[in-house]
Structures are given as structure tokens and as C-alpha cells.
């Protein structure tokens, strides 16, 4: 197990998991029959998982999948329960620990957990071994050219890539009041050009932004009406009881807290903002036969 320190990205994922009390770290798919409230987030997330799983090849002897950026291993666990053979990539030590605990429930499985970035995967060791590779909100963290190149080497002939993630729209960087409030994502236009230049055929390309954007409204309500008031109350208490400590903490952490406040507690992390600056897509790319 890696001993490196937890970075800010992993911290955000782990805190999100702990605060929201969910096993999944991905967005939910808010179809019309799901009421937009935090209690229904696990239902929406499971809908997302089912949508992703439907793009994968059927369970059969010899079929093997690769889960890139497997988070806590919740999707991985479900696929193992369905009879799939799955390997996983996880660069985050704390999340890898959670994945390892899930894998203990499957003592006869042959899952390999690669604790590294996808860019650092030992491609030569597993070349040509996978029928499908899927990225559940992990593609945004990976260099696109490297991702497509590695996938060509890792897939069996005719294998597929599923990408379920958001990309930047052409509005990104326009300097609007909510610009950069929601980070992440590659430029969609550039990604399309890279796919055209690679030996992949696009089998499916679906815009599901409107089904994903309600996540932002649900989470914004939680941040603004639960977390922010609780934080202000705690800060007031500490300032009143321990004024010297509170003053020192404010001096040391003031800028960082101000940045977090602008990003998470501005009230601008909404579905409307998301739809302006992000485009969430479900893509299936098939490796063409040489």
C-alpha cells in the first residue's frame, strides 16, 4: 500500500463520501420519477450505475473488464456480484484501502488492483487482456491522448471504451460570475478531434447533462442550508470560547477558507451553472479491427 499523503482531490472525494453517507462517488441520474432531494441521491446513483453497466459486454467466460478510477469500489463490487471478471485502477491510497476491504468479500475472485494512475499502468503486463474499459467520472483526470493510446494496447480486438463523464463547454472561461466555480473536464471539441484521429468508432454518444445537473441543485441546497450554517455556528462558538486560537486559525487559514467559501458556499454551484459550463456525456467507443 502506498504511503504517500492524501492529496486535495482525494480528500474532497472522501469527505464527500463521509458527509453524504453514500458508497458511490459519482453523480446520480435524476430521471423524472426521482424527487430532487438528498435522500434520493443513492437511488439516482444506482440508476447511473445501471446505465453504465448496460454498455458493457454480457457476462461470459473469458470476458474481462477494467474499471479505471474505481473510487470506493462500489461499481466494481456490483459487477463482481454479477459474475464479471474485473480489474481496477486506483491512484488514491484511502480509496484503495476501501476497495481492498470490498474485495475481501470475494475470496475466489482474481481481481487485480493497480494502485497507480492510469498513465502509469504497466501496459505491457496486461496488453490485450480486456473486452471493455470504463471510466466513471475518472476520464476528466487523465490525459486524453494517453487514455486513448493505452486503451488501444489494453483492449482485445473489437473491445470497447465506456466514458461517463463531463466535459467543458465552449462557455468555459467566459469570465461569467460562476465561471470556474465547478472545475474539471476536458475540452469536448478537442476530445472529439482526438477520437477521430484514433482507431475507434463511436457507437454511442449521448448528452445526459439535464439528467445529471440536478445533482448540483441537491448538493448546493445541502451545502448552503446545512453545512454552511453549521460551520458558522461552530466558528462563532470557537471564537467566543477560544478567541486567541480562533484569531490565529483565521490568520493562518483565512485565504484557504476564503477560496473554499467562494467555490462551495457562494450559492452558484447550481444545475444552471453546470449546464452552462459542463456537458455530461455517455460515450461508447469501439476499437476498430486493424
Protein backbone atom coordinates (compact mmCIF):
# COMPACT_ATOMS: atom_id res chain seq x y z
CA UNK A 1 0.00 0.00 0.00
CA UNK A 2 1.28 3.42 -0.96
CA UNK A 3 2.37 5.65 1.93
CA UNK A 4 2.01 8.94 0.10
CA UNK A 5 -0.04 11.68 1.69
CA UNK A 6 -3.66 12.19 0.77
CA UNK A 7 -3.93 14.95 -1.85
CA UNK A 8 -6.69 17.56 -2.02
CA UNK A 9 -8.61 15.73 -4.75
CA UNK A 10 -8.78 12.52 -2.72
CA UNK A 11 -9.67 14.49 0.40
CA UNK A 12 -12.63 16.01 -1.41
CA UNK A 13 -13.88 12.60 -2.51
CA UNK A 14 -13.50 11.03 0.93
CA UNK A 15 -15.15 13.98 2.69
CA UNK A 16 -17.98 13.87 0.18
CA UNK A 17 -18.49 10.20 0.88
CA UNK A 18 -18.49 10.75 4.64
CA UNK A 19 -20.73 13.83 4.66
CA UNK A 20 -23.28 12.44 2.23
CA UNK A 21 -23.24 8.90 3.59
CA UNK A 22 -23.07 7.24 0.16
CA UNK A 23 -20.95 4.42 -1.24
CA UNK A 24 -20.69 5.91 -4.71
CA UNK A 25 -18.56 8.94 -5.57
CA UNK A 26 -20.17 9.63 -8.95
CA UNK A 27 -23.18 11.78 -9.81
CA UNK A 28 -26.70 10.41 -9.92
CA UNK A 29 -29.00 10.04 -12.92
CA UNK A 30 -32.12 12.01 -11.96
CA UNK A 31 -34.87 10.58 -14.12
CA UNK A 32 -38.35 12.10 -13.96
CA UNK A 33 -39.68 9.71 -11.32
CA UNK A 34 -37.00 10.63 -8.73
CA UNK A 35 -37.77 13.58 -6.46
CA UNK A 36 -34.88 16.04 -6.27
CA UNK A 37 -33.82 15.65 -2.65
CA UNK A 38 -30.67 14.44 -0.92
CA UNK A 39 -32.33 11.33 0.50
CA UNK A 40 -32.82 10.08 -3.08
CA UNK A 41 -29.18 10.51 -4.11
CA UNK A 42 -28.39 6.78 -3.67
CA UNK A 43 -31.35 5.91 -5.93
CA UNK A 44 -30.15 8.31 -8.62
CA UNK A 45 -26.61 6.97 -8.31
CA UNK A 46 -27.81 3.40 -8.76
CA UNK A 47 -29.68 4.45 -11.91
CA UNK A 48 -26.37 5.83 -13.17
CA UNK A 49 -24.63 2.55 -12.36
CA UNK A 50 -27.27 0.55 -14.23
CA UNK A 51 -26.92 2.84 -17.24
CA UNK A 52 -23.16 2.36 -17.28
CA UNK A 53 -23.39 -1.41 -16.78
CA UNK A 54 -25.76 -1.69 -19.73
CA UNK A 55 -22.96 -0.54 -22.05
CA UNK A 56 -20.67 -3.41 -21.03
CA UNK A 57 -20.44 -6.79 -22.77
CA UNK A 58 -22.54 -9.61 -21.37
CA UNK A 59 -21.07 -11.83 -18.67
CA UNK A 60 -19.32 -14.77 -20.29
CA UNK A 61 -16.31 -16.96 -19.73
CA UNK A 62 -13.15 -15.08 -20.60
CA UNK A 63 -14.75 -11.62 -20.58
CA UNK A 64 -12.68 -9.20 -18.53
CA UNK A 65 -13.25 -5.53 -17.69
CA UNK A 66 -11.04 -2.72 -16.43
CA UNK A 67 -12.51 -0.15 -14.03
CA UNK A 68 -10.36 2.99 -14.25
CA UNK A 69 -10.55 5.20 -11.18
CA UNK A 70 -12.75 2.80 -9.24
CA UNK A 71 -13.43 5.10 -6.26
CA UNK A 72 -14.60 3.13 -3.25
CA UNK A 73 -15.12 0.04 -5.40
CA UNK A 74 -18.92 0.14 -5.26
CA UNK A 75 -19.44 -0.37 -9.01
CA UNK A 76 -16.62 -2.92 -9.03
CA UNK A 77 -18.36 -4.85 -6.26
CA UNK A 78 -21.66 -4.91 -8.12
CA UNK A 79 -20.01 -6.17 -11.29
CA UNK A 80 -18.25 -8.94 -9.37
CA UNK A 81 -21.60 -9.93 -7.86
CA UNK A 82 -22.99 -10.20 -11.39
CA UNK A 83 -20.25 -12.63 -12.36
CA UNK A 84 -17.82 -10.38 -14.20
CA UNK A 85 -14.05 -10.63 -14.02
CA UNK A 86 -12.83 -7.08 -13.31
CA UNK A 87 -9.50 -5.41 -12.67
CA UNK A 88 -9.34 -1.90 -11.25
CA UNK A 89 -7.10 1.16 -11.21
CA UNK A 90 -6.98 3.34 -8.10
CA UNK A 91 -4.32 6.03 -7.52
CA UNK A 92 -5.75 7.13 -4.13
CA UNK A 93 -4.45 5.28 -1.03
CA UNK A 94 -7.50 5.75 1.20
CA UNK A 95 -9.90 4.76 -1.55
CA UNK A 96 -7.66 1.80 -2.45
CA UNK A 97 -7.93 0.67 1.16
CA UNK A 98 -11.72 0.70 0.90
CA UNK A 99 -11.57 -1.22 -2.38
CA UNK A 100 -9.34 -3.81 -0.74
CA UNK A 101 -11.90 -4.30 2.02
CA UNK A 102 -14.64 -4.86 -0.56
CA UNK A 103 -12.51 -7.39 -2.42
CA UNK A 104 -12.15 -9.43 0.78
CA UNK A 105 -15.82 -10.36 0.34
CA UNK A 106 -14.85 -12.20 -2.85
CA UNK A 107 -12.10 -14.61 -1.74
CA UNK A 108 -12.21 -16.55 -5.03
CA UNK A 109 -12.02 -13.54 -7.33
CA UNK A 110 -8.94 -12.84 -9.42
CA UNK A 111 -9.25 -9.05 -9.42
CA UNK A 112 -6.01 -7.14 -9.78
CA UNK A 113 -5.99 -3.73 -8.11
CA UNK A 114 -3.43 -1.43 -9.73
CA UNK A 115 -2.63 1.30 -7.21
CA UNK A 116 -1.36 3.88 -9.64
CA UNK A 117 -2.54 6.45 -12.15
CA UNK A 118 -3.90 5.09 -15.41
CA UNK A 119 -0.98 6.83 -17.14
CA UNK A 120 1.40 4.70 -15.03
CA UNK A 121 -0.34 1.37 -15.57
CA UNK A 122 2.11 -1.41 -16.56
CA UNK A 123 0.58 -1.69 -20.02
CA UNK A 124 2.97 -4.39 -21.24
CA UNK A 125 1.86 -6.74 -18.46
CA UNK A 126 -1.86 -6.54 -19.32
CA UNK A 127 -1.84 -5.71 -23.02
CA UNK A 128 -4.74 -7.19 -24.99
CA UNK A 129 -6.50 -8.57 -21.91
CA UNK A 130 -9.70 -6.50 -21.71
CA UNK A 131 -13.01 -6.69 -23.52
CA UNK A 132 -14.07 -3.32 -22.13
CA UNK A 133 -12.56 -0.41 -20.22
CA UNK A 134 -14.80 2.05 -18.41
CA UNK A 135 -14.25 5.47 -16.89
CA UNK A 136 -16.88 6.59 -14.38
CA UNK A 137 -16.06 10.28 -13.84
CA UNK A 138 -12.35 9.45 -13.93
CA UNK A 139 -11.68 10.37 -17.56
CA UNK A 140 -11.51 14.08 -16.66
CA UNK A 141 -8.36 13.45 -14.60
CA UNK A 142 -6.46 11.59 -17.32
CA UNK A 143 -4.57 12.97 -20.27
CA UNK A 144 -6.87 12.18 -23.19
CA UNK A 145 -4.17 11.22 -25.67
CA UNK A 146 -2.61 8.84 -23.14
CA UNK A 147 -6.01 7.37 -22.29
CA UNK A 148 -6.80 6.55 -25.91
CA UNK A 149 -3.30 5.23 -26.62
CA UNK A 150 -3.28 2.98 -23.56
CA UNK A 151 -6.77 1.73 -24.37
CA UNK A 152 -5.66 0.62 -27.83
CA UNK A 153 -2.99 -1.55 -26.22
CA UNK A 154 -5.12 -2.88 -23.38
CA UNK A 155 -8.21 -3.90 -25.34
CA UNK A 156 -8.80 -7.12 -27.18
CA UNK A 157 -9.65 -6.72 -30.88
CA UNK A 158 -13.11 -5.17 -31.10
CA UNK A 159 -13.08 -4.16 -27.43
CA UNK A 160 -14.83 -1.04 -26.18
CA UNK A 161 -14.36 2.02 -24.01
CA UNK A 162 -17.22 3.46 -21.97
CA UNK A 163 -16.77 7.05 -20.80
CA UNK A 164 -19.33 8.52 -18.44
CA UNK A 165 -18.07 11.99 -17.52
CA UNK A 166 -18.43 15.70 -18.08
CA UNK A 167 -16.50 17.93 -20.47
CA UNK A 168 -16.02 21.69 -20.69
CA UNK A 169 -18.38 23.58 -22.95
CA UNK A 170 -17.35 26.48 -25.16
CA UNK A 171 -18.64 28.81 -22.40
CA UNK A 172 -15.83 27.72 -20.06
CA UNK A 173 -13.51 30.62 -19.38
CA UNK A 174 -16.02 33.28 -20.39
CA UNK A 175 -15.45 35.21 -17.17
CA UNK A 176 -19.07 34.98 -16.06
CA UNK A 177 -19.93 35.23 -12.35
CA UNK A 178 -19.97 31.43 -11.96
CA UNK A 179 -17.06 30.66 -14.29
CA UNK A 180 -14.58 28.17 -12.72
CA UNK A 181 -16.94 27.53 -9.78
CA UNK A 182 -17.25 23.94 -10.99
CA UNK A 183 -13.84 22.70 -12.09
CA UNK A 184 -12.71 19.72 -14.11
CA UNK A 185 -13.30 18.29 -17.53
CA UNK A 186 -11.52 18.26 -20.88
CA UNK A 187 -12.49 20.44 -23.83
CA UNK A 188 -15.14 18.46 -25.70
CA UNK A 189 -14.17 19.73 -29.16
CA UNK A 190 -10.54 18.72 -28.67
CA UNK A 191 -11.57 15.30 -27.39
CA UNK A 192 -13.67 14.67 -30.50
CA UNK A 193 -10.70 15.52 -32.70
CA UNK A 194 -8.52 13.04 -30.80
CA UNK A 195 -11.12 10.29 -31.17
CA UNK A 196 -11.30 10.95 -34.93
CA UNK A 197 -7.54 10.52 -35.14
CA UNK A 198 -7.59 7.25 -33.15
CA UNK A 199 -8.70 3.80 -34.36
CA UNK A 200 -12.05 3.96 -32.57
CA UNK A 201 -15.59 4.04 -33.90
CA UNK A 202 -18.13 5.98 -31.84
CA UNK A 203 -21.03 3.62 -31.16
CA UNK A 204 -22.85 5.83 -28.69
CA UNK A 205 -22.62 9.48 -27.79
CA UNK A 206 -25.46 10.68 -25.61
CA UNK A 207 -25.84 14.06 -23.91
CA UNK A 208 -27.21 13.36 -20.41
CA UNK A 209 -26.40 16.76 -18.92
CA UNK A 210 -30.01 17.54 -17.98
CA UNK A 211 -30.30 14.22 -16.09
CA UNK A 212 -27.09 14.88 -14.15
CA UNK A 213 -27.30 18.62 -13.44
CA UNK A 214 -29.91 18.22 -10.63
CA UNK A 215 -27.05 16.82 -8.53
CA UNK A 216 -25.72 20.35 -8.28
CA UNK A 217 -29.01 21.76 -7.01
CA UNK A 218 -29.39 18.97 -4.45
CA UNK A 219 -25.82 19.37 -3.19
CA UNK A 220 -25.95 23.17 -3.27
CA UNK A 221 -29.03 23.05 -1.03
CA UNK A 222 -27.16 20.76 1.38
CA UNK A 223 -24.08 22.99 1.44
CA UNK A 224 -25.94 26.26 1.84
CA UNK A 225 -28.65 25.14 4.26
CA UNK A 226 -26.83 22.53 6.35
CA UNK A 227 -23.05 22.69 6.13
CA UNK A 228 -22.66 26.47 5.94
CA UNK A 229 -24.89 27.28 8.95
CA UNK A 230 -23.24 24.52 10.98
CA UNK A 231 -19.79 25.86 10.12
CA UNK A 232 -20.74 29.41 11.04
CA UNK A 233 -22.18 28.24 14.35
CA UNK A 234 -19.03 26.26 15.17
CA UNK A 235 -16.82 29.19 14.20
CA UNK A 236 -18.80 31.56 16.40
CA UNK A 237 -18.57 29.13 19.31
CA UNK A 238 -14.79 28.70 18.97
CA UNK A 239 -14.24 32.43 18.56
CA UNK A 240 -16.23 33.11 21.70
CA UNK A 241 -14.67 30.38 23.84
CA UNK A 242 -11.12 30.48 22.49
CA UNK A 243 -10.59 33.94 20.93
CA UNK A 244 -6.79 33.67 20.70
CA UNK A 245 -6.93 30.28 18.99
CA UNK A 246 -9.69 31.47 16.67
CA UNK A 247 -7.71 34.57 15.71
CA UNK A 248 -4.59 32.50 14.95
CA UNK A 249 -6.55 29.99 12.87
CA UNK A 250 -8.14 32.80 10.92
CA UNK A 251 -4.73 34.34 10.23
CA UNK A 252 -3.22 31.03 9.12
CA UNK A 253 -6.16 29.64 7.15
CA UNK A 254 -8.04 32.76 6.13
CA UNK A 255 -7.09 32.68 2.45
CA UNK A 256 -7.75 28.97 2.08
CA UNK A 257 -11.14 29.24 3.77
CA UNK A 258 -11.99 32.24 1.62
CA UNK A 259 -11.21 30.24 -1.51
CA UNK A 260 -13.31 27.31 -0.31
CA UNK A 261 -16.10 29.71 0.55
CA UNK A 262 -16.12 31.19 -2.95
CA UNK A 263 -16.13 27.77 -4.54
CA UNK A 264 -18.55 25.82 -2.37
CA UNK A 265 -20.61 28.36 -0.42
CA UNK A 266 -21.31 31.07 -2.97
CA UNK A 267 -24.66 29.57 -3.87
CA UNK A 268 -23.56 29.43 -7.52
CA UNK A 269 -22.90 25.68 -7.72
CA UNK A 270 -26.28 25.07 -9.30
CA UNK A 271 -27.73 22.97 -12.08
CA UNK A 272 -27.95 26.07 -14.24
CA UNK A 273 -24.24 26.79 -13.76
CA UNK A 274 -23.38 23.18 -14.51
CA UNK A 275 -25.36 23.18 -17.75
CA UNK A 276 -23.65 26.38 -18.88
CA UNK A 277 -20.08 25.26 -18.30
CA UNK A 278 -20.23 21.44 -18.47
CA UNK A 279 -21.56 18.88 -20.89
CA UNK A 280 -22.05 15.42 -19.41
CA UNK A 281 -21.84 12.60 -21.93
CA UNK A 282 -22.17 8.85 -22.09
CA UNK A 283 -19.83 7.57 -24.80
CA UNK A 284 -19.05 4.10 -26.09
CA UNK A 285 -16.06 3.79 -28.43
CA UNK A 286 -15.28 0.54 -30.25
CA UNK A 287 -11.72 -0.38 -31.21
CA UNK A 288 -11.66 -0.97 -34.93
CA UNK A 289 -10.11 -4.13 -36.31
CA UNK A 290 -6.74 -3.48 -37.87
